[in-house]
């Protein structure tokens, strides 16, 4: 069975996914009541959301759980089952497995499309060559400092541009495939 992995992320123009304290208030400038930037259509294709522990903690601070009905796996070596709120225990599971093992486990469980969320986790999947698609939403804001989207990459990762769409809010959304063919050719 085929398994694909995607990341759908928002970043400031200077490459930050959050302020240094984790705040996301700067995203409000592109929030529009009638525009979700294709997020609902993207989520309709996802059967497992895989997120890092920092992202999980951030989502727990939201007024309500945004992933009702979706299987969520939190990649963490530090969280314990007791850290998952009782109301979410039937939907959220923990895994301390490395990315290759984690994907193998998800494939075995029947997953077809995994949404990888969280800056460190996305970077880990990129380093391991396990991310297939990147949807990057660039918000017209310069934060100057914060939590970077990409960190600790071992070298260049070539992307194949699929599309870019400009929205009235100023948000630019670009979709890329990870170009593994170019990476493999460089290894020869």
N, C-alpha and C. Protein backbone atom coordinates (compact mmCIF):
# COMPACT_ATOMS: atom_id res chain seq x y z
N UNK A 1 0.84 -1.18 0.00
CA UNK A 1 0.00 0.00 0.00
C UNK A 1 0.89 1.24 0.00
N UNK A 2 0.51 2.20 -0.80
CA UNK A 2 1.28 3.43 -0.93
C UNK A 2 1.00 4.37 0.25
N UNK A 3 2.06 5.00 0.71
CA UNK A 3 1.95 5.96 1.81
C UNK A 3 2.64 7.24 1.36
N UNK A 4 1.96 8.37 1.51
CA UNK A 4 2.57 9.65 1.19
C UNK A 4 2.60 10.53 2.43
N UNK A 5 3.56 11.45 2.43
CA UNK A 5 3.72 12.37 3.55
C UNK A 5 3.74 13.80 3.03
N UNK A 6 3.06 14.66 3.74
CA UNK A 6 2.99 16.07 3.38
C UNK A 6 3.14 16.94 4.61
N UNK A 7 3.66 18.14 4.40
CA UNK A 7 3.67 19.16 5.44
C UNK A 7 2.92 20.37 4.89
N UNK A 8 2.05 20.93 5.70
CA UNK A 8 1.28 22.13 5.36
C UNK A 8 1.59 23.13 6.47
N UNK A 9 2.40 24.14 6.15
CA UNK A 9 2.93 25.02 7.19
C UNK A 9 2.82 26.49 6.80
N UNK A 10 2.71 27.33 7.82
CA UNK A 10 2.76 28.78 7.61
C UNK A 10 4.07 29.29 8.17
N UNK A 11 4.64 30.26 7.47
CA UNK A 11 5.90 30.85 7.89
C UNK A 11 5.88 32.35 7.59
N UNK A 12 6.60 33.09 8.39
CA UNK A 12 6.79 34.50 8.09
C UNK A 12 7.74 34.60 6.89
N UNK A 13 7.84 35.77 6.29
CA UNK A 13 8.75 35.91 5.15
C UNK A 13 10.20 35.66 5.54
N UNK A 14 10.54 35.86 6.82
CA UNK A 14 11.90 35.60 7.24
C UNK A 14 12.08 34.19 7.83
N UNK A 15 11.11 33.31 7.57
CA UNK A 15 11.30 31.89 7.84
C UNK A 15 10.97 31.38 9.23
N UNK A 16 10.14 32.10 9.98
CA UNK A 16 9.79 31.66 11.33
C UNK A 16 8.36 31.12 11.36
N UNK A 17 8.15 30.04 12.13
CA UNK A 17 6.81 29.46 12.26
C UNK A 17 6.09 29.95 13.51
N UNK A 18 6.83 30.59 14.39
CA UNK A 18 6.25 31.16 15.61
C UNK A 18 7.23 32.17 16.19
N UNK A 19 6.74 33.01 17.06
CA UNK A 19 7.64 33.90 17.80
C UNK A 19 8.49 33.04 18.73
N UNK A 20 9.52 33.61 19.30
CA UNK A 20 10.42 32.87 20.19
C UNK A 20 9.66 32.23 21.36
N UNK A 21 8.57 32.86 21.81
CA UNK A 21 7.78 32.32 22.91
C UNK A 21 6.68 31.37 22.44
N UNK A 22 6.67 31.06 21.13
CA UNK A 22 5.66 30.16 20.57
C UNK A 22 4.40 30.85 20.10
N UNK A 23 4.29 32.16 20.29
CA UNK A 23 3.08 32.89 19.91
C UNK A 23 2.84 32.86 18.41
N UNK A 24 1.57 32.76 18.05
CA UNK A 24 1.16 32.71 16.64
C UNK A 24 0.29 33.90 16.26
N UNK A 25 0.27 34.94 17.06
CA UNK A 25 -0.60 36.08 16.84
C UNK A 25 -0.42 36.73 15.47
N UNK A 26 0.77 36.66 14.92
CA UNK A 26 1.05 37.27 13.62
C UNK A 26 0.27 36.61 12.48
N UNK A 27 -0.23 35.40 12.70
CA UNK A 27 -1.04 34.72 11.67
C UNK A 27 -2.41 35.37 11.51
N UNK A 28 -2.84 36.10 12.54
CA UNK A 28 -4.18 36.72 12.51
C UNK A 28 -4.32 37.72 11.37
N UNK A 29 -3.21 38.30 10.92
CA UNK A 29 -3.31 39.31 9.86
C UNK A 29 -3.80 38.73 8.53
N UNK A 30 -3.72 37.41 8.35
CA UNK A 30 -4.22 36.81 7.12
C UNK A 30 -5.47 35.96 7.36
N UNK A 31 -5.99 35.98 8.59
CA UNK A 31 -7.21 35.24 8.90
C UNK A 31 -8.40 35.91 8.22
N UNK A 32 -9.11 35.14 7.42
CA UNK A 32 -10.29 35.64 6.72
C UNK A 32 -11.43 34.66 6.97
N UNK A 33 -12.59 35.20 7.26
CA UNK A 33 -13.73 34.35 7.59
C UNK A 33 -14.08 33.38 6.46
N UNK A 34 -13.99 33.81 5.22
CA UNK A 34 -14.40 32.98 4.09
C UNK A 34 -13.24 32.33 3.35
N UNK A 35 -12.04 32.32 3.95
CA UNK A 35 -10.88 31.76 3.25
C UNK A 35 -10.05 30.91 4.20
N UNK A 36 -9.89 29.63 3.84
CA UNK A 36 -9.05 28.75 4.68
C UNK A 36 -7.78 28.33 3.95
N UNK A 37 -7.53 28.94 2.79
CA UNK A 37 -6.29 28.70 2.03
C UNK A 37 -6.12 27.22 1.63
N UNK A 38 -7.24 26.56 1.37
CA UNK A 38 -7.19 25.17 0.91
C UNK A 38 -6.96 24.16 2.02
N UNK A 39 -6.97 24.61 3.26
CA UNK A 39 -6.67 23.72 4.38
C UNK A 39 -7.71 22.60 4.52
N UNK A 40 -8.99 22.91 4.41
CA UNK A 40 -10.03 21.89 4.55
C UNK A 40 -9.89 20.84 3.46
N UNK A 41 -9.62 21.27 2.23
CA UNK A 41 -9.43 20.31 1.13
C UNK A 41 -8.21 19.43 1.39
N UNK A 42 -7.13 20.03 1.88
CA UNK A 42 -5.93 19.27 2.22
C UNK A 42 -6.24 18.26 3.31
N UNK A 43 -6.89 18.71 4.38
CA UNK A 43 -7.19 17.82 5.51
C UNK A 43 -8.12 16.67 5.11
N UNK A 44 -8.96 16.89 4.11
CA UNK A 44 -9.86 15.83 3.64
C UNK A 44 -9.08 14.65 3.05
N UNK A 45 -7.82 14.87 2.68
CA UNK A 45 -6.99 13.80 2.10
C UNK A 45 -6.14 13.10 3.15
N UNK A 46 -6.12 13.61 4.37
CA UNK A 46 -5.24 13.13 5.43
C UNK A 46 -5.95 12.10 6.29
N UNK A 47 -5.29 10.99 6.57
CA UNK A 47 -5.89 10.03 7.51
C UNK A 47 -5.11 9.93 8.82
N UNK A 48 -3.89 10.48 8.87
CA UNK A 48 -3.14 10.52 10.12
C UNK A 48 -2.40 11.86 10.19
N UNK A 49 -2.51 12.51 11.34
CA UNK A 49 -1.75 13.72 11.61
C UNK A 49 -0.63 13.33 12.56
N UNK A 50 0.60 13.56 12.12
CA UNK A 50 1.78 13.25 12.93
C UNK A 50 2.39 14.59 13.33
N UNK A 51 2.44 14.85 14.63
CA UNK A 51 2.97 16.13 15.08
C UNK A 51 4.03 15.93 16.15
N UNK A 52 4.90 16.93 16.25
CA UNK A 52 5.91 16.92 17.28
C UNK A 52 5.32 17.31 18.62
N UNK A 53 6.07 17.08 19.68
CA UNK A 53 5.56 17.34 21.02
C UNK A 53 5.33 18.83 21.28
N UNK A 54 6.20 19.70 20.76
CA UNK A 54 6.00 21.15 20.96
C UNK A 54 4.73 21.60 20.27
N UNK A 55 4.47 21.09 19.08
CA UNK A 55 3.25 21.43 18.35
C UNK A 55 2.03 20.92 19.11
N UNK A 56 2.12 19.70 19.63
CA UNK A 56 1.02 19.13 20.42
C UNK A 56 0.71 20.02 21.62
N UNK A 57 1.74 20.42 22.34
CA UNK A 57 1.53 21.28 23.50
C UNK A 57 0.87 22.60 23.10
N UNK A 58 1.29 23.15 21.96
CA UNK A 58 0.70 24.40 21.49
C UNK A 58 -0.77 24.20 21.15
N UNK A 59 -1.08 23.12 20.44
CA UNK A 59 -2.47 22.86 20.05
C UNK A 59 -3.34 22.65 21.29
N UNK A 60 -2.79 22.04 22.33
CA UNK A 60 -3.56 21.86 23.56
C UNK A 60 -3.95 23.20 24.19
N UNK A 61 -3.22 24.28 23.87
CA UNK A 61 -3.55 25.59 24.42
C UNK A 61 -4.68 26.29 23.66
N UNK A 62 -5.08 25.74 22.52
CA UNK A 62 -6.18 26.33 21.75
C UNK A 62 -7.49 26.14 22.52
N UNK A 63 -8.47 27.01 22.27
CA UNK A 63 -9.75 26.90 22.98
C UNK A 63 -10.44 25.55 22.80
N UNK A 64 -10.27 24.93 21.63
CA UNK A 64 -10.87 23.61 21.41
C UNK A 64 -9.94 22.78 20.53
N UNK A 65 -10.05 21.48 20.64
CA UNK A 65 -9.23 20.55 19.87
C UNK A 65 -9.67 20.62 18.40
N UNK A 66 -8.77 21.00 17.47
CA UNK A 66 -9.18 21.19 16.08
C UNK A 66 -9.21 19.92 15.23
N UNK A 67 -8.83 18.77 15.78
CA UNK A 67 -8.69 17.57 14.97
C UNK A 67 -9.65 16.46 15.38
N UNK A 68 -10.86 16.82 15.75
CA UNK A 68 -11.86 15.84 16.16
C UNK A 68 -12.06 14.84 15.03
N UNK A 69 -12.00 13.57 15.37
CA UNK A 69 -12.25 12.51 14.39
C UNK A 69 -11.04 12.08 13.58
N UNK A 70 -9.92 12.74 13.75
CA UNK A 70 -8.71 12.40 13.00
C UNK A 70 -7.71 11.70 13.91
N UNK A 71 -7.11 10.65 13.42
CA UNK A 71 -6.08 9.96 14.19
C UNK A 71 -4.86 10.87 14.30
N UNK A 72 -4.37 11.09 15.52
CA UNK A 72 -3.22 11.94 15.76
C UNK A 72 -2.15 11.13 16.47
N UNK A 73 -0.95 11.18 15.94
CA UNK A 73 0.20 10.54 16.56
C UNK A 73 1.19 11.64 16.92
N UNK A 74 1.61 11.66 18.17
CA UNK A 74 2.57 12.65 18.64
C UNK A 74 3.92 11.96 18.76
N UNK A 75 4.89 12.46 17.99
CA UNK A 75 6.25 11.93 18.04
C UNK A 75 6.96 12.59 19.21
N UNK A 76 7.27 11.80 20.23
CA UNK A 76 7.89 12.36 21.42
C UNK A 76 8.61 11.28 22.22
N UNK A 77 9.75 11.67 22.74
CA UNK A 77 10.47 10.78 23.66
C UNK A 77 10.26 11.23 25.10
N UNK A 78 9.63 12.39 25.28
CA UNK A 78 9.47 12.92 26.63
C UNK A 78 8.05 12.83 27.17
N UNK A 79 7.04 12.89 26.30
CA UNK A 79 5.66 12.84 26.77
C UNK A 79 5.30 11.43 27.23
N UNK A 80 4.42 11.35 28.19
CA UNK A 80 3.90 10.09 28.71
C UNK A 80 2.40 10.04 28.45
N UNK A 81 1.80 8.84 28.43
CA UNK A 81 0.35 8.75 28.21
C UNK A 81 -0.46 9.66 29.14
N UNK A 82 0.00 9.86 30.35
CA UNK A 82 -0.72 10.72 31.29
C UNK A 82 -0.72 12.19 30.84
N UNK A 83 0.18 12.56 29.92
CA UNK A 83 0.24 13.93 29.41
C UNK A 83 -0.86 14.21 28.39
N UNK A 84 -1.52 13.18 27.93
CA UNK A 84 -2.62 13.34 26.98
C UNK A 84 -3.91 13.53 27.78
N UNK A 85 -4.64 14.62 27.54
CA UNK A 85 -5.89 14.81 28.26
C UNK A 85 -6.83 13.61 28.07
N UNK A 86 -7.53 13.25 29.11
CA UNK A 86 -8.40 12.07 29.09
C UNK A 86 -9.37 12.09 27.91
N UNK A 87 -9.90 13.25 27.57
CA UNK A 87 -10.87 13.35 26.47
C UNK A 87 -10.26 13.04 25.11
N UNK A 88 -8.93 13.06 24.99
CA UNK A 88 -8.27 12.83 23.70
C UNK A 88 -7.60 11.45 23.60
N UNK A 89 -7.60 10.68 24.67
CA UNK A 89 -6.84 9.43 24.68
C UNK A 89 -7.30 8.41 23.65
N UNK A 90 -8.54 8.47 23.20
CA UNK A 90 -8.99 7.53 22.17
C UNK A 90 -8.55 7.96 20.78
N UNK A 91 -8.09 9.19 20.65
CA UNK A 91 -7.75 9.75 19.34
C UNK A 91 -6.26 10.05 19.20
N UNK A 92 -5.56 10.26 20.31
CA UNK A 92 -4.15 10.66 20.27
C UNK A 92 -3.29 9.55 20.85
N UNK A 93 -2.24 9.22 20.13
CA UNK A 93 -1.29 8.22 20.61
C UNK A 93 0.12 8.80 20.56
N UNK A 94 1.01 8.21 21.32
CA UNK A 94 2.40 8.65 21.36
C UNK A 94 3.28 7.62 20.68
N UNK A 95 4.38 8.12 20.09
CA UNK A 95 5.38 7.24 19.53
C UNK A 95 6.76 7.85 19.76
N UNK A 96 7.67 7.03 20.26
CA UNK A 96 9.06 7.47 20.45
C UNK A 96 9.94 6.92 19.33
N UNK A 97 9.34 6.32 18.33
CA UNK A 97 10.10 5.71 17.23
C UNK A 97 10.75 6.78 16.35
N UNK A 98 11.89 6.44 15.77
CA UNK A 98 12.55 7.31 14.80
C UNK A 98 11.67 7.38 13.54
N UNK A 99 11.80 8.45 12.75
CA UNK A 99 10.93 8.63 11.59
C UNK A 99 10.79 7.41 10.67
N UNK A 100 11.86 6.70 10.28
CA UNK A 100 11.64 5.55 9.39
C UNK A 100 10.76 4.46 10.02
N UNK A 101 11.00 4.15 11.27
CA UNK A 101 10.21 3.14 11.99
C UNK A 101 8.78 3.62 12.16
N UNK A 102 8.62 4.88 12.49
CA UNK A 102 7.30 5.46 12.69
C UNK A 102 6.47 5.36 11.41
N UNK A 103 7.06 5.70 10.27
CA UNK A 103 6.33 5.58 9.00
C UNK A 103 6.01 4.13 8.67
N UNK A 104 6.94 3.23 8.95
CA UNK A 104 6.69 1.81 8.71
C UNK A 104 5.50 1.35 9.56
N UNK A 105 5.45 1.77 10.82
CA UNK A 105 4.33 1.41 11.69
C UNK A 105 3.02 1.99 11.17
N UNK A 106 3.05 3.24 10.70
CA UNK A 106 1.83 3.86 10.16
C UNK A 106 1.37 3.15 8.90
N UNK A 107 2.30 2.78 8.04
CA UNK A 107 1.97 2.05 6.82
C UNK A 107 1.30 0.71 7.19
N UNK A 108 1.88 0.01 8.15
CA UNK A 108 1.33 -1.28 8.58
C UNK A 108 -0.08 -1.12 9.14
N UNK A 109 -0.34 0.01 9.78
CA UNK A 109 -1.67 0.24 10.36
C UNK A 109 -2.69 0.72 9.33
N UNK A 110 -2.26 0.87 8.06
CA UNK A 110 -3.19 1.25 7.00
C UNK A 110 -3.18 2.70 6.61
N UNK A 111 -2.29 3.50 7.16
CA UNK A 111 -2.23 4.92 6.80
C UNK A 111 -1.87 5.07 5.32
N UNK A 112 -2.49 6.07 4.69
CA UNK A 112 -2.22 6.35 3.27
C UNK A 112 -1.61 7.74 3.07
N UNK A 113 -2.09 8.73 3.85
CA UNK A 113 -1.57 10.09 3.71
C UNK A 113 -1.34 10.65 5.11
N UNK A 114 -0.08 10.92 5.42
CA UNK A 114 0.31 11.42 6.73
C UNK A 114 0.67 12.91 6.61
N UNK A 115 0.03 13.71 7.43
CA UNK A 115 0.33 15.13 7.53
C UNK A 115 1.36 15.27 8.65
N UNK A 116 2.56 15.73 8.30
CA UNK A 116 3.64 15.92 9.26
C UNK A 116 3.64 17.38 9.66
N UNK A 117 3.51 17.64 10.98
CA UNK A 117 3.38 19.02 11.45
C UNK A 117 4.35 19.28 12.59
N UNK A 118 4.98 20.45 12.54
CA UNK A 118 5.94 20.87 13.56
C UNK A 118 7.31 21.05 12.94
N UNK A 119 7.93 22.18 13.21
CA UNK A 119 9.20 22.53 12.58
C UNK A 119 10.29 21.48 12.75
N UNK A 120 10.52 21.03 13.97
CA UNK A 120 11.59 20.04 14.19
C UNK A 120 11.26 18.71 13.54
N UNK A 121 9.99 18.30 13.61
CA UNK A 121 9.60 17.02 13.01
C UNK A 121 9.70 17.08 11.48
N UNK A 122 9.25 18.18 10.88
CA UNK A 122 9.36 18.33 9.43
C UNK A 122 10.83 18.28 9.03
N UNK A 123 11.70 18.97 9.76
CA UNK A 123 13.14 18.93 9.46
C UNK A 123 13.70 17.52 9.60
N UNK A 124 13.27 16.78 10.60
CA UNK A 124 13.73 15.40 10.78
C UNK A 124 13.29 14.53 9.61
N UNK A 125 12.08 14.73 9.14
CA UNK A 125 11.58 13.96 7.99
C UNK A 125 12.33 14.34 6.72
N UNK A 126 12.64 15.62 6.56
CA UNK A 126 13.43 16.05 5.40
C UNK A 126 14.83 15.43 5.45
N UNK A 127 15.47 15.48 6.62
CA UNK A 127 16.82 14.89 6.76
C UNK A 127 16.81 13.40 6.42
N UNK A 128 15.74 12.72 6.80
CA UNK A 128 15.64 11.28 6.57
C UNK A 128 15.14 10.94 5.17
N UNK A 129 14.80 11.96 4.37
CA UNK A 129 14.29 11.70 3.02
C UNK A 129 12.89 11.10 3.03
N UNK A 130 12.08 11.46 4.01
CA UNK A 130 10.77 10.84 4.18
C UNK A 130 9.59 11.77 3.93
N UNK A 131 9.85 13.01 3.51
CA UNK A 131 8.76 13.93 3.21
C UNK A 131 8.59 13.99 1.71
N UNK A 132 7.35 13.85 1.25
CA UNK A 132 7.05 13.83 -0.19
C UNK A 132 6.64 15.19 -0.73
N UNK A 133 5.89 15.95 0.07
CA UNK A 133 5.30 17.20 -0.43
C UNK A 133 5.35 18.25 0.67
N UNK A 134 5.58 19.48 0.25
CA UNK A 134 5.64 20.62 1.16
C UNK A 134 4.71 21.70 0.63
N UNK A 135 3.74 22.10 1.45
CA UNK A 135 2.87 23.22 1.12
C UNK A 135 3.24 24.33 2.09
N UNK A 136 3.78 25.39 1.55
CA UNK A 136 4.32 26.47 2.36
C UNK A 136 3.49 27.73 2.16
N UNK A 137 2.93 28.23 3.26
CA UNK A 137 2.11 29.44 3.25
C UNK A 137 2.94 30.57 3.83
N UNK A 138 3.36 31.51 2.97
CA UNK A 138 4.19 32.62 3.42
C UNK A 138 3.31 33.82 3.74
N UNK A 139 3.36 34.20 5.01
CA UNK A 139 2.57 35.32 5.52
C UNK A 139 3.40 36.59 5.37
N UNK A 140 2.80 37.68 4.85
CA UNK A 140 3.57 38.91 4.63
C UNK A 140 3.89 39.63 5.94
N UNK A 141 4.82 39.04 6.68
CA UNK A 141 5.26 39.62 7.95
C UNK A 141 6.72 39.24 8.17
N UNK A 142 7.47 40.16 8.73
CA UNK A 142 8.85 39.89 9.14
C UNK A 142 8.86 39.91 10.66
N UNK A 143 9.22 38.80 11.27
CA UNK A 143 9.23 38.71 12.73
C UNK A 143 10.57 39.10 13.33
N UNK A 144 11.64 38.95 12.57
CA UNK A 144 12.97 39.32 13.07
C UNK A 144 13.62 38.25 13.92
N UNK A 145 12.83 37.47 14.61
CA UNK A 145 13.34 36.38 15.45
C UNK A 145 12.18 35.44 15.74
N UNK A 146 12.52 34.23 16.12
CA UNK A 146 11.47 33.28 16.45
C UNK A 146 11.95 31.86 16.28
N UNK A 147 11.00 30.96 16.12
CA UNK A 147 11.29 29.54 15.91
C UNK A 147 11.38 29.31 14.40
N UNK A 148 12.55 28.88 13.92
CA UNK A 148 12.70 28.71 12.47
C UNK A 148 11.94 27.48 11.96
N UNK A 149 11.49 27.58 10.72
CA UNK A 149 10.80 26.44 10.11
C UNK A 149 11.77 25.30 9.89
N UNK A 150 12.88 25.56 9.25
CA UNK A 150 13.83 24.50 8.94
C UNK A 150 15.08 24.67 9.80
N UNK A 151 15.52 23.58 10.40
CA UNK A 151 16.74 23.64 11.19
C UNK A 151 17.45 22.29 11.13
N UNK A 152 18.76 22.35 11.18
CA UNK A 152 19.54 21.13 11.25
C UNK A 152 19.53 20.28 10.00
N UNK A 153 19.28 20.88 8.85
CA UNK A 153 19.34 20.09 7.62
C UNK A 153 20.80 19.82 7.29
N UNK A 154 21.07 18.62 6.78
CA UNK A 154 22.45 18.20 6.52
C UNK A 154 23.02 18.74 5.22
N UNK A 155 22.19 19.28 4.37
CA UNK A 155 22.64 19.78 3.08
C UNK A 155 21.44 20.28 2.29
N UNK A 156 21.69 20.55 1.03
CA UNK A 156 20.62 21.03 0.16
C UNK A 156 19.55 19.96 -0.04
N UNK A 157 18.32 20.41 -0.11
CA UNK A 157 17.21 19.54 -0.47
C UNK A 157 16.51 20.23 -1.63
N UNK A 158 16.53 19.59 -2.76
CA UNK A 158 15.92 20.20 -3.95
C UNK A 158 14.42 19.94 -3.97
N UNK A 159 13.72 20.98 -4.36
CA UNK A 159 12.27 20.93 -4.43
C UNK A 159 11.82 21.15 -5.87
N UNK A 160 10.75 20.50 -6.23
CA UNK A 160 10.16 20.70 -7.55
C UNK A 160 8.88 21.50 -7.36
N UNK A 161 8.88 22.73 -7.87
CA UNK A 161 7.73 23.61 -7.72
C UNK A 161 6.53 23.05 -8.46
N UNK A 162 5.39 22.99 -7.79
CA UNK A 162 4.15 22.56 -8.42
C UNK A 162 3.27 23.75 -8.76
N UNK A 163 3.07 24.64 -7.77
CA UNK A 163 2.19 25.78 -8.00
C UNK A 163 2.42 26.84 -6.93
N UNK A 164 2.03 28.05 -7.27
CA UNK A 164 2.00 29.15 -6.30
C UNK A 164 0.71 29.92 -6.53
N UNK A 165 0.07 30.26 -5.44
CA UNK A 165 -1.17 31.03 -5.52
C UNK A 165 -1.05 32.21 -4.58
N UNK A 166 -1.43 33.38 -5.08
CA UNK A 166 -1.46 34.60 -4.27
C UNK A 166 -2.90 34.86 -3.83
N UNK A 167 -3.07 35.18 -2.56
CA UNK A 167 -4.38 35.46 -2.01
C UNK A 167 -4.50 36.95 -1.73
N UNK A 168 -5.74 37.44 -1.66
CA UNK A 168 -6.00 38.86 -1.43
C UNK A 168 -5.40 39.35 -0.11
N UNK A 169 -5.26 38.47 0.87
CA UNK A 169 -4.69 38.85 2.16
C UNK A 169 -3.20 39.11 2.10
N UNK A 170 -2.58 38.74 0.97
CA UNK A 170 -1.12 38.86 0.84
C UNK A 170 -0.40 37.55 1.06
N UNK A 171 -1.10 36.54 1.55
CA UNK A 171 -0.49 35.22 1.74
C UNK A 171 -0.16 34.61 0.38
N UNK A 172 1.04 34.04 0.30
CA UNK A 172 1.45 33.29 -0.89
C UNK A 172 1.58 31.83 -0.51
N UNK A 173 0.91 30.97 -1.24
CA UNK A 173 0.97 29.54 -0.97
C UNK A 173 1.66 28.84 -2.12
N UNK A 174 2.74 28.15 -1.79
CA UNK A 174 3.48 27.40 -2.80
C UNK A 174 3.50 25.93 -2.43
N UNK A 175 3.34 25.10 -3.43
CA UNK A 175 3.36 23.65 -3.23
C UNK A 175 4.58 23.09 -3.96
N UNK A 176 5.31 22.21 -3.27
CA UNK A 176 6.53 21.62 -3.82
C UNK A 176 6.52 20.11 -3.60
N UNK A 177 7.11 19.40 -4.54
CA UNK A 177 7.44 18.00 -4.34
C UNK A 177 8.91 17.94 -3.97
N UNK A 178 9.27 17.01 -3.11
CA UNK A 178 10.68 16.82 -2.78
C UNK A 178 11.30 16.08 -3.96
N UNK A 179 12.33 16.65 -4.52
CA UNK A 179 12.95 16.12 -5.74
C UNK A 179 14.03 15.10 -5.38
N UNK A 180 13.60 13.89 -5.10
CA UNK A 180 14.54 12.83 -4.72
C UNK A 180 15.38 12.35 -5.89
N UNK A 181 14.87 12.49 -7.12
CA UNK A 181 15.63 12.07 -8.29
C UNK A 181 16.89 12.90 -8.41
N UNK A 182 16.80 14.22 -8.18
CA UNK A 182 17.97 15.09 -8.26
C UNK A 182 18.95 14.75 -7.16
N UNK A 183 18.42 14.46 -5.95
CA UNK A 183 19.30 14.09 -4.84
C UNK A 183 20.03 12.79 -5.12
N UNK A 184 19.31 11.82 -5.70
CA UNK A 184 19.93 10.53 -6.00
C UNK A 184 21.00 10.67 -7.08
N UNK A 185 20.75 11.52 -8.07
CA UNK A 185 21.73 11.72 -9.13
C UNK A 185 23.02 12.33 -8.59
N UNK A 186 22.89 13.22 -7.59
CA UNK A 186 24.08 13.83 -6.99
C UNK A 186 24.90 12.82 -6.21
N UNK A 187 24.27 11.76 -5.72
CA UNK A 187 24.97 10.75 -4.94
C UNK A 187 25.85 9.87 -5.82
N UNK A 188 25.57 9.82 -7.12
CA UNK A 188 26.32 8.95 -8.05
C UNK A 188 27.70 9.48 -8.33
